[in-house]
Amino acid sequence: MGLPRSQYVQEGKEGVYHCFSRCVRRAFLCGFDALTGRDFSHRKALLVARLRDLAAIFAIEVCAYAVLATHYHVILRVRPDLVAGWSDWEVARNWLTLFPRRRNRQGDQLPPEEGDICALAGQEERIRELRRRLSSLSWFMGRLNEYLARAANREDRVQGRFWESRFKCQTLLDGAAITACMVYVDLNLIRAGVVGSPEESDFTSIQERIRAWHEERMATGPVLADSAVDMQCGPSGGDRGKKPGKSE
C-alpha cells in the first residue's frame, strides 16, 4: 500500500516531484483513435499551453514534460520561497487570473480589474491561504487535469472521468534523482518506439530545449556554438518559472 501523499509532499517546503496522469475510457484519448478515426492530438497542445499558463501563475517551475497518447509526465519544482516574496497585490492578481470573475460574451476570461485585485489584497487571512495554494502541488495539478478533462468532455459530449485517478507523484530527493528522471521523461517517446530521436519528440521539453538552443546559436553566431543546453529546473531567459521554455 502506498503512503498518503501528505506524508511525502509537505506543504510550504521546496521540493521536486515527478507527476503523471493517465486517461480512461479507451486508449488514445490524446492521440489518434483507430476505432472512431478521430485524431485528438490537439489535446496535447492544449495541455502544454495550460502548463505554460499555470507556470505563470503559480510559484512552481516546470522542469520537464512529455505528453503521450494516453498519459503525460511532468517534473515540477515547488517554490514556496518565491510566493513568500510576492506582495499581497501580486497574490490577488494571480489568483484572480486563475479564477476570473468576469468573462466576455464569448465566454473568454477577462483580465482582473484593479478594483477586484485591491479588494482581495486587503483580506489578510484570505491572502495567507492563497499564498499556500499558489505554491501547492495539488492545486497546480488539479487545475491542470481539471482544465483538460472539462475540455475533452465538452468535445466528446460526455460526462464522467477523463483521468483514471488523481495524479500520481514521486519525490525526487537529490540532483542525481532529478537528472535521471528528466532523462526518463525526455526520452519517453524514444523508449516507447514512437520516434527515433529527441528532435522528433513532439510535445516534450527536450524538443523545445533543442529548438531554443538552435535558435540561440543562429542568433548569436559562432561565439556560442559550443554552448550546452541548460538542463536545470526553472525559467529560461526571463523571470522565475513563469513559462516552461528551454529549461523545462
C-alpha atoms as a PDB file:
ATOM      1  CA  MET A   1       0.000   0.000   0.000  1.00  0.00           C
ATOM      2  CA  GLY A   2       1.386   3.424  -0.936  1.00  0.00           C
ATOM      3  CA  LEU A   3       1.851   6.210   1.563  1.00  0.00           C
ATOM      4  CA  PRO A   4      -0.610   9.102   1.701  1.00  0.00           C
ATOM      5  CA  ARG A   5       0.655  11.970  -0.430  1.00  0.00           C
ATOM      6  CA  SER A   6       0.640  14.263   2.592  1.00  0.00           C
ATOM      7  CA  GLN A   7       3.483  12.210   4.095  1.00  0.00           C
ATOM      8  CA  TYR A   8       5.946  12.940   1.295  1.00  0.00           C
ATOM      9  CA  VAL A   9       4.614  16.163  -0.266  1.00  0.00           C
ATOM     10  CA  GLN A  10       4.920  18.691   2.529  1.00  0.00           C
ATOM     11  CA  GLU A  11       3.086  21.979   2.141  1.00  0.00           C
ATOM     12  CA  GLY A  12       5.296  25.038   2.487  1.00  0.00           C
ATOM     13  CA  LYS A  13       8.562  23.236   1.700  1.00  0.00           C
ATOM     14  CA  GLU A  14      10.537  23.316  -1.519  1.00  0.00           C
ATOM     15  CA  GLY A  15      10.702  20.065  -3.437  1.00  0.00           C
ATOM     16  CA  VAL A  16      10.922  18.495  -6.881  1.00  0.00           C
ATOM     17  CA  TYR A  17       8.300  15.950  -7.939  1.00  0.00           C
ATOM     18  CA  HIS A  18       7.626  13.662 -10.887  1.00  0.00           C
ATOM     19  CA  CYS A  19       3.894  13.677 -11.556  1.00  0.00           C
ATOM     20  CA  PHE A  20       1.899  11.750 -14.140  1.00  0.00           C
ATOM     21  CA  SER A  21      -1.729  11.060 -15.096  1.00  0.00           C
ATOM     22  CA  ARG A  22      -3.358   8.534 -17.435  1.00  0.00           C
ATOM     23  CA  CYS A  23      -6.640   8.646 -19.376  1.00  0.00           C
ATOM     24  CA  VAL A  24      -9.553   6.243 -19.004  1.00  0.00           C
ATOM     25  CA  ARG A  25     -12.387   5.057 -21.318  1.00  0.00           C
ATOM     26  CA  ARG A  26     -10.378   3.929 -24.345  1.00  0.00           C
ATOM     27  CA  ALA A  27      -6.764   4.305 -25.389  1.00  0.00           C
ATOM     28  CA  PHE A  28      -5.542   7.232 -27.495  1.00  0.00           C
ATOM     29  CA  LEU A  29      -7.756   9.874 -25.931  1.00  0.00           C
ATOM     30  CA  CYS A  30      -4.870  12.298 -26.543  1.00  0.00           C
ATOM     31  CA  GLY A  31      -3.862  10.791 -29.890  1.00  0.00           C
ATOM     32  CA  PHE A  32      -5.377   9.016 -32.885  1.00  0.00           C
ATOM     33  CA  ASP A  33      -8.399   6.854 -32.053  1.00  0.00           C
ATOM     34  CA  ALA A  34      -8.404   3.972 -34.523  1.00  0.00           C
ATOM     35  CA  LEU A  35     -11.932   2.947 -33.506  1.00  0.00           C
ATOM     36  CA  THR A  36     -13.597   6.210 -34.487  1.00  0.00           C
ATOM     37  CA  GLY A  37     -10.974   7.529 -36.891  1.00  0.00           C
ATOM     38  CA  ARG A  38     -10.722  10.799 -34.951  1.00  0.00           C
ATOM     39  CA  ASP A  39      -7.463  12.472 -34.069  1.00  0.00           C
ATOM     40  CA  PHE A  40      -7.279  14.037 -30.613  1.00  0.00           C
ATOM     41  CA  SER A  41      -3.643  15.131 -30.844  1.00  0.00           C
ATOM     42  CA  HIS A  42      -4.673  18.769 -30.438  1.00  0.00           C
ATOM     43  CA  ARG A  43      -5.287  17.996 -26.779  1.00  0.00           C
ATOM     44  CA  LYS A  44      -1.549  17.576 -26.347  1.00  0.00           C
ATOM     45  CA  ALA A  45      -1.035  21.183 -27.410  1.00  0.00           C
ATOM     46  CA  LEU A  46      -3.864  22.204 -25.088  1.00  0.00           C
ATOM     47  CA  LEU A  47      -2.131  20.511 -22.155  1.00  0.00           C
ATOM     48  CA  VAL A  48       1.226  22.152 -22.915  1.00  0.00           C
ATOM     49  CA  ALA A  49      -0.445  25.552 -23.233  1.00  0.00           C
ATOM     50  CA  ARG A  50      -2.143  25.036 -19.887  1.00  0.00           C
ATOM     51  CA  LEU A  51       1.203  24.141 -18.332  1.00  0.00           C
ATOM     52  CA  ARG A  52       2.559  27.481 -19.539  1.00  0.00           C
ATOM     53  CA  ASP A  53      -0.382  29.412 -18.140  1.00  0.00           C
ATOM     54  CA  LEU A  54      -0.178  27.740 -14.726  1.00  0.00           C
ATOM     55  CA  ALA A  55       3.592  28.217 -14.518  1.00  0.00           C
ATOM     56  CA  ALA A  56       2.977  31.956 -14.983  1.00  0.00           C
ATOM     57  CA  ILE A  57       0.528  31.989 -12.064  1.00  0.00           C
ATOM     58  CA  PHE A  58       1.900  29.527  -9.502  1.00  0.00           C
ATOM     59  CA  ALA A  59       5.210  29.595  -7.657  1.00  0.00           C
ATOM     60  CA  ILE A  60       6.005  26.281  -9.321  1.00  0.00           C
ATOM     61  CA  GLU A  61       8.612  25.686 -12.015  1.00  0.00           C
ATOM     62  CA  VAL A  62       8.208  23.212 -14.875  1.00  0.00           C
ATOM     63  CA  CYS A  63      11.462  21.278 -15.240  1.00  0.00           C
ATOM     64  CA  ALA A  64      10.441  18.731 -17.891  1.00  0.00           C
ATOM     65  CA  TYR A  65       7.345  17.291 -19.541  1.00  0.00           C
ATOM     66  CA  ALA A  66       6.260  14.728 -22.129  1.00  0.00           C
ATOM     67  CA  VAL A  67       2.730  14.290 -23.468  1.00  0.00           C
ATOM     68  CA  LEU A  68       1.895  10.888 -24.961  1.00  0.00           C
ATOM     69  CA  ALA A  69      -1.263   9.415 -26.460  1.00  0.00           C
ATOM     70  CA  THR A  70      -2.743   8.058 -23.226  1.00  0.00           C
ATOM     71  CA  HIS A  71      -0.831   9.838 -20.446  1.00  0.00           C
ATOM     72  CA  TYR A  72       1.654  12.572 -19.640  1.00  0.00           C
ATOM     73  CA  HIS A  73       4.654  13.139 -17.384  1.00  0.00           C
ATOM     74  CA  VAL A  74       5.750  16.405 -15.783  1.00  0.00           C
ATOM     75  CA  ILE A  75       8.539  17.274 -13.347  1.00  0.00           C
ATOM     76  CA  LEU A  76       7.677  20.204 -11.099  1.00  0.00           C
ATOM     77  CA  ARG A  77       9.711  22.209  -8.614  1.00  0.00           C
ATOM     78  CA  VAL A  78       7.645  23.730  -5.828  1.00  0.00           C
ATOM     79  CA  ARG A  79       8.937  27.152  -4.707  1.00  0.00           C
ATOM     80  CA  PRO A  80       7.155  28.436  -1.581  1.00  0.00           C
ATOM     81  CA  ASP A  81      10.104  30.774  -1.055  1.00  0.00           C
ATOM     82  CA  LEU A  82       9.078  32.697  -4.179  1.00  0.00           C
ATOM     83  CA  VAL A  83       5.436  33.165  -3.258  1.00  0.00           C
ATOM     84  CA  ALA A  84       6.545  34.368   0.187  1.00  0.00           C
ATOM     85  CA  GLY A  85       8.217  37.314  -1.538  1.00  0.00           C
ATOM     86  CA  TRP A  86       5.170  38.322  -3.570  1.00  0.00           C
ATOM     87  CA  SER A  87       3.165  41.323  -2.473  1.00  0.00           C
ATOM     88  CA  ASP A  88      -0.461  40.895  -1.446  1.00  0.00           C
ATOM     89  CA  TRP A  89      -1.416  42.603  -4.711  1.00  0.00           C
ATOM     90  CA  GLU A  90       0.557  40.054  -6.757  1.00  0.00           C
ATOM     91  CA  VAL A  91      -1.039  37.155  -4.897  1.00  0.00           C
ATOM     92  CA  ALA A  92      -4.524  38.598  -5.515  1.00  0.00           C
ATOM     93  CA  ARG A  93      -3.787  39.279  -9.195  1.00  0.00           C
ATOM     94  CA  ASN A  94      -2.503  35.764  -9.824  1.00  0.00           C
ATOM     95  CA  TRP A  95      -5.455  34.178  -8.057  1.00  0.00           C
ATOM     96  CA  LEU A  96      -8.000  36.238  -9.991  1.00  0.00           C
ATOM     97  CA  THR A  97      -6.178  35.344 -13.198  1.00  0.00           C
ATOM     98  CA  LEU A  98      -6.580  31.683 -12.305  1.00  0.00           C
ATOM     99  CA  PHE A  99     -10.235  32.105 -11.285  1.00  0.00           C
ATOM    100  CA  PRO A 100     -11.540  35.093 -13.289  1.00  0.00           C
ATOM    101  CA  ARG A 101     -14.653  36.864 -12.107  1.00  0.00           C
ATOM    102  CA  ARG A 102     -15.506  38.377 -15.483  1.00  0.00           C
ATOM    103  CA  ARG A 103     -15.871  36.957 -18.983  1.00  0.00           C
ATOM    104  CA  ASN A 104     -16.890  38.431 -22.320  1.00  0.00           C
ATOM    105  CA  ARG A 105     -19.930  37.401 -24.342  1.00  0.00           C
ATOM    106  CA  GLN A 106     -17.947  34.617 -25.999  1.00  0.00           C
ATOM    107  CA  GLY A 107     -17.119  33.144 -22.602  1.00  0.00           C
ATOM    108  CA  ASP A 108     -13.446  34.075 -22.731  1.00  0.00           C
ATOM    109  CA  GLN A 109     -11.978  35.186 -19.433  1.00  0.00           C
ATOM    110  CA  LEU A 110     -11.061  38.839 -18.972  1.00  0.00           C
ATOM    111  CA  PRO A 111      -8.026  40.147 -17.065  1.00  0.00           C
ATOM    112  CA  PRO A 112      -8.786  41.010 -13.430  1.00  0.00           C
ATOM    113  CA  GLU A 113      -9.673  44.616 -12.794  1.00  0.00           C
ATOM    114  CA  GLU A 114      -7.702  46.784 -10.403  1.00  0.00           C
ATOM    115  CA  GLY A 115     -10.637  47.217  -8.040  1.00  0.00           C
ATOM    116  CA  ASP A 116     -11.130  43.458  -7.687  1.00  0.00           C
ATOM    117  CA  ILE A 117      -7.415  42.921  -7.080  1.00  0.00           C
ATOM    118  CA  CYS A 118      -7.211  45.589  -4.403  1.00  0.00           C
ATOM    119  CA  ALA A 119     -10.354  44.319  -2.669  1.00  0.00           C
ATOM    120  CA  LEU A 120      -8.950  40.800  -2.441  1.00  0.00           C
ATOM    121  CA  ALA A 121      -5.478  42.036  -1.472  1.00  0.00           C
ATOM    122  CA  GLY A 122      -6.987  43.729   1.570  1.00  0.00           C
ATOM    123  CA  GLN A 123      -8.224  40.427   3.032  1.00  0.00           C
ATOM    124  CA  GLU A 124      -5.241  39.396   5.148  1.00  0.00           C
ATOM    125  CA  GLU A 125      -6.410  35.927   6.158  1.00  0.00           C
ATOM    126  CA  ARG A 126      -7.605  35.090   2.668  1.00  0.00           C
ATOM    127  CA  ILE A 127      -4.284  36.183   1.134  1.00  0.00           C
ATOM    128  CA  ARG A 128      -2.413  33.964   3.600  1.00  0.00           C
ATOM    129  CA  GLU A 129      -4.408  30.964   2.377  1.00  0.00           C
ATOM    130  CA  LEU A 130      -3.915  31.894  -1.279  1.00  0.00           C
ATOM    131  CA  ARG A 131      -0.147  32.075  -0.792  1.00  0.00           C
ATOM    132  CA  ARG A 132      -0.266  28.465   0.336  1.00  0.00           C
ATOM    133  CA  ARG A 133      -2.419  27.406  -2.595  1.00  0.00           C
ATOM    134  CA  LEU A 134      -0.229  29.173  -5.164  1.00  0.00           C
ATOM    135  CA  SER A 135       2.733  27.034  -4.117  1.00  0.00           C
ATOM    136  CA  SER A 136       0.712  23.830  -3.715  1.00  0.00           C
ATOM    137  CA  LEU A 137       1.500  20.844  -5.935  1.00  0.00           C
ATOM    138  CA  SER A 138      -2.049  19.515  -5.535  1.00  0.00           C
ATOM    139  CA  TRP A 139      -3.632  22.810  -6.556  1.00  0.00           C
ATOM    140  CA  PHE A 140      -1.361  23.061  -9.615  1.00  0.00           C
ATOM    141  CA  MET A 141      -2.053  19.511 -10.791  1.00  0.00           C
ATOM    142  CA  GLY A 142      -5.748  19.826 -10.001  1.00  0.00           C
ATOM    143  CA  ARG A 143      -6.113  22.900 -12.209  1.00  0.00           C
ATOM    144  CA  LEU A 144      -4.122  21.209 -14.970  1.00  0.00           C
ATOM    145  CA  ASN A 145      -6.126  17.974 -15.032  1.00  0.00           C
ATOM    146  CA  GLU A 146      -9.492  19.620 -14.461  1.00  0.00           C
ATOM    147  CA  TYR A 147      -8.967  22.018 -17.365  1.00  0.00           C
ATOM    148  CA  LEU A 148      -8.176  19.268 -19.869  1.00  0.00           C
ATOM    149  CA  ALA A 149     -10.924  16.958 -18.563  1.00  0.00           C
ATOM    150  CA  ARG A 150     -13.582  19.633 -18.975  1.00  0.00           C
ATOM    151  CA  ALA A 151     -12.389  20.491 -22.476  1.00  0.00           C
ATOM    152  CA  ALA A 152     -12.316  16.821 -23.541  1.00  0.00           C
ATOM    153  CA  ASN A 153     -15.764  16.099 -22.094  1.00  0.00           C
ATOM    154  CA  ARG A 154     -17.243  19.102 -23.898  1.00  0.00           C
ATOM    155  CA  GLU A 155     -15.688  17.941 -27.135  1.00  0.00           C
ATOM    156  CA  ASP A 156     -16.858  14.342 -26.699  1.00  0.00           C
ATOM    157  CA  ARG A 157     -20.271  15.425 -25.344  1.00  0.00           C
ATOM    158  CA  VAL A 158     -19.961  13.099 -22.386  1.00  0.00           C
ATOM    159  CA  GLN A 159     -19.747  13.294 -18.608  1.00  0.00           C
ATOM    160  CA  GLY A 160     -17.591  11.443 -16.132  1.00  0.00           C
ATOM    161  CA  ARG A 161     -13.928  10.822 -15.563  1.00  0.00           C
ATOM    162  CA  PHE A 162     -11.286  11.688 -18.106  1.00  0.00           C
ATOM    163  CA  TRP A 163      -8.354  10.670 -15.856  1.00  0.00           C
ATOM    164  CA  GLU A 164      -8.241   7.264 -14.209  1.00  0.00           C
ATOM    165  CA  SER A 165      -7.439   8.729 -10.766  1.00  0.00           C
ATOM    166  CA  ARG A 166      -5.840  11.657  -9.042  1.00  0.00           C
ATOM    167  CA  PHE A 167      -2.366  12.342 -10.343  1.00  0.00           C
ATOM    168  CA  LYS A 168       0.423  10.019  -9.219  1.00  0.00           C
ATOM    169  CA  CYS A 169       3.556  11.501  -7.734  1.00  0.00           C
ATOM    170  CA  GLN A 170       7.154  10.614  -6.874  1.00  0.00           C
ATOM    171  CA  THR A 171       9.531  12.747  -4.809  1.00  0.00           C
ATOM    172  CA  LEU A 172      12.958  13.453  -6.325  1.00  0.00           C
ATOM    173  CA  LEU A 173      15.267  13.866  -3.354  1.00  0.00           C
ATOM    174  CA  ASP A 174      18.579  14.955  -4.890  1.00  0.00           C
ATOM    175  CA  GLY A 175      20.274  16.152  -8.061  1.00  0.00           C
ATOM    176  CA  ALA A 176      21.025  12.651  -9.287  1.00  0.00           C
ATOM    177  CA  ALA A 177      17.368  11.649  -8.966  1.00  0.00           C
ATOM    178  CA  ILE A 178      16.229  14.800 -10.761  1.00  0.00           C
ATOM    179  CA  THR A 179      18.671  14.245 -13.636  1.00  0.00           C
ATOM    180  CA  ALA A 180      17.737  10.578 -14.008  1.00  0.00           C
ATOM    181  CA  CYS A 181      14.020  11.374 -14.007  1.00  0.00           C
ATOM    182  CA  MET A 182      14.445  14.180 -16.551  1.00  0.00           C
ATOM    183  CA  VAL A 183      16.236  11.738 -18.856  1.00  0.00           C
ATOM    184  CA  TYR A 184      13.386   9.271 -18.340  1.00  0.00           C
ATOM    185  CA  VAL A 185      10.775  11.891 -19.223  1.00  0.00           C
ATOM    186  CA  ASP A 186      12.711  13.441 -22.118  1.00  0.00           C
ATOM    187  CA  LEU A 187      13.364  10.090 -23.809  1.00  0.00           C
ATOM    188  CA  ASN A 188       9.941   8.601 -23.119  1.00  0.00           C
ATOM    189  CA  LEU A 189       8.751   8.652 -26.733  1.00  0.00           C
ATOM    190  CA  ILE A 190      12.038   7.169 -27.975  1.00  0.00           C
ATOM    191  CA  ARG A 191      11.893   4.339 -25.455  1.00  0.00           C
ATOM    192  CA  ALA A 192       8.280   3.642 -26.469  1.00  0.00           C
ATOM    193  CA  GLY A 193       9.350   3.359 -30.093  1.00  0.00           C
ATOM    194  CA  VAL A 194       7.154   6.258 -31.209  1.00  0.00           C
ATOM    195  CA  VAL A 195      10.018   8.367 -32.606  1.00  0.00           C
ATOM    196  CA  GLY A 196      13.689   7.863 -33.326  1.00  0.00           C
ATOM    197  CA  SER A 197      15.286  10.998 -31.871  1.00  0.00           C
ATOM    198  CA  PRO A 198      14.662  13.816 -29.360  1.00  0.00           C
ATOM    199  CA  GLU A 199      14.239  16.271 -32.242  1.00  0.00           C
ATOM    200  CA  GLU A 200      11.221  14.266 -33.428  1.00  0.00           C
ATOM    201  CA  SER A 201       9.653  14.040 -29.956  1.00  0.00           C
ATOM    202  CA  ASP A 202       6.687  16.392 -30.286  1.00  0.00           C
ATOM    203  CA  PHE A 203       5.134  17.860 -27.143  1.00  0.00           C
ATOM    204  CA  THR A 204       8.213  17.253 -24.989  1.00  0.00           C
ATOM    205  CA  SER A 205      10.505  19.627 -23.153  1.00  0.00           C
ATOM    206  CA  ILE A 206      13.628  18.101 -24.741  1.00  0.00           C
ATOM    207  CA  GLN A 207      12.421  19.048 -28.230  1.00  0.00           C
ATOM    208  CA  GLU A 208      11.640  22.561 -27.016  1.00  0.00           C
ATOM    209  CA  ARG A 209      15.081  22.942 -25.434  1.00  0.00           C
ATOM    210  CA  ILE A 210      16.819  21.728 -28.587  1.00  0.00           C
ATOM    211  CA  ARG A 211      14.878  24.152 -30.767  1.00  0.00           C
ATOM    212  CA  ALA A 212      15.613  27.037 -28.391  1.00  0.00           C
ATOM    213  CA  TRP A 213      19.303  26.101 -28.382  1.00  0.00           C
ATOM    214  CA  HIS A 214      19.450  26.117 -32.192  1.00  0.00           C
ATOM    215  CA  GLU A 215      17.663  29.464 -32.307  1.00  0.00           C
ATOM    216  CA  GLU A 216      20.179  30.866 -29.824  1.00  0.00           C
ATOM    217  CA  ARG A 217      23.081  29.612 -31.928  1.00  0.00           C
ATOM    218  CA  MET A 218      21.593  31.186 -35.051  1.00  0.00           C
ATOM    219  CA  ALA A 219      21.082  34.484 -33.225  1.00  0.00           C
ATOM    220  CA  THR A 220      24.484  34.708 -31.531  1.00  0.00           C
ATOM    221  CA  GLY A 221      26.709  33.201 -34.211  1.00  0.00           C
ATOM    222  CA  PRO A 222      29.815  31.046 -33.697  1.00  0.00           C
ATOM    223  CA  VAL A 223      30.755  32.573 -30.328  1.00  0.00           C
ATOM    224  CA  LEU A 224      28.205  30.376 -28.549  1.00  0.00           C
ATOM    225  CA  ALA A 225      28.458  27.459 -30.945  1.00  0.00           C
ATOM    226  CA  ASP A 226      29.645  25.124 -28.192  1.00  0.00           C
ATOM    227  CA  SER A 227      27.141  26.239 -25.567  1.00  0.00           C
ATOM    228  CA  ALA A 228      25.401  23.451 -23.653  1.00  0.00           C
ATOM    229  CA  VAL A 229      21.677  23.209 -23.280  1.00  0.00           C
ATOM    230  CA  ASP A 230      20.543  24.350 -19.852  1.00  0.00           C
ATOM    231  CA  MET A 231      19.140  21.249 -18.133  1.00  0.00           C
ATOM    232  CA  GLN A 232      18.240  22.875 -14.828  1.00  0.00           C
ATOM    233  CA  CYS A 233      14.784  23.396 -13.453  1.00  0.00           C
ATOM    234  CA  GLY A 234      13.325  26.828 -13.734  1.00  0.00           C
ATOM    235  CA  PRO A 235      12.748  29.618 -16.235  1.00  0.00           C
ATOM    236  CA  SER A 236      14.585  30.350 -19.449  1.00  0.00           C
ATOM    237  CA  GLY A 237      15.684  33.811 -20.463  1.00  0.00           C
ATOM    238  CA  GLY A 238      13.371  35.638 -18.097  1.00  0.00           C
ATOM    239  CA  ASP A 239      11.777  35.820 -14.699  1.00  0.00           C
ATOM    240  CA  ARG A 240      11.077  32.978 -12.289  1.00  0.00           C
ATOM    241  CA  GLY A 241       9.436  29.833 -13.768  1.00  0.00           C
ATOM    242  CA  LYS A 242       6.765  31.866 -15.418  1.00  0.00           C
ATOM    243  CA  LYS A 243       6.634  29.807 -18.583  1.00  0.00           C
ATOM    244  CA  PRO A 244       8.168  26.455 -19.433  1.00  0.00           C
ATOM    245  CA  GLY A 245      10.756  27.204 -22.069  1.00  0.00           C
ATOM    246  CA  LYS A 246      14.050  25.651 -22.907  1.00  0.00           C
ATOM    247  CA  SER A 247      14.615  24.784 -19.234  1.00  0.00           C
ATOM    248  CA  GLU A 248      11.577  22.524 -18.822  1.00  0.00           C
END
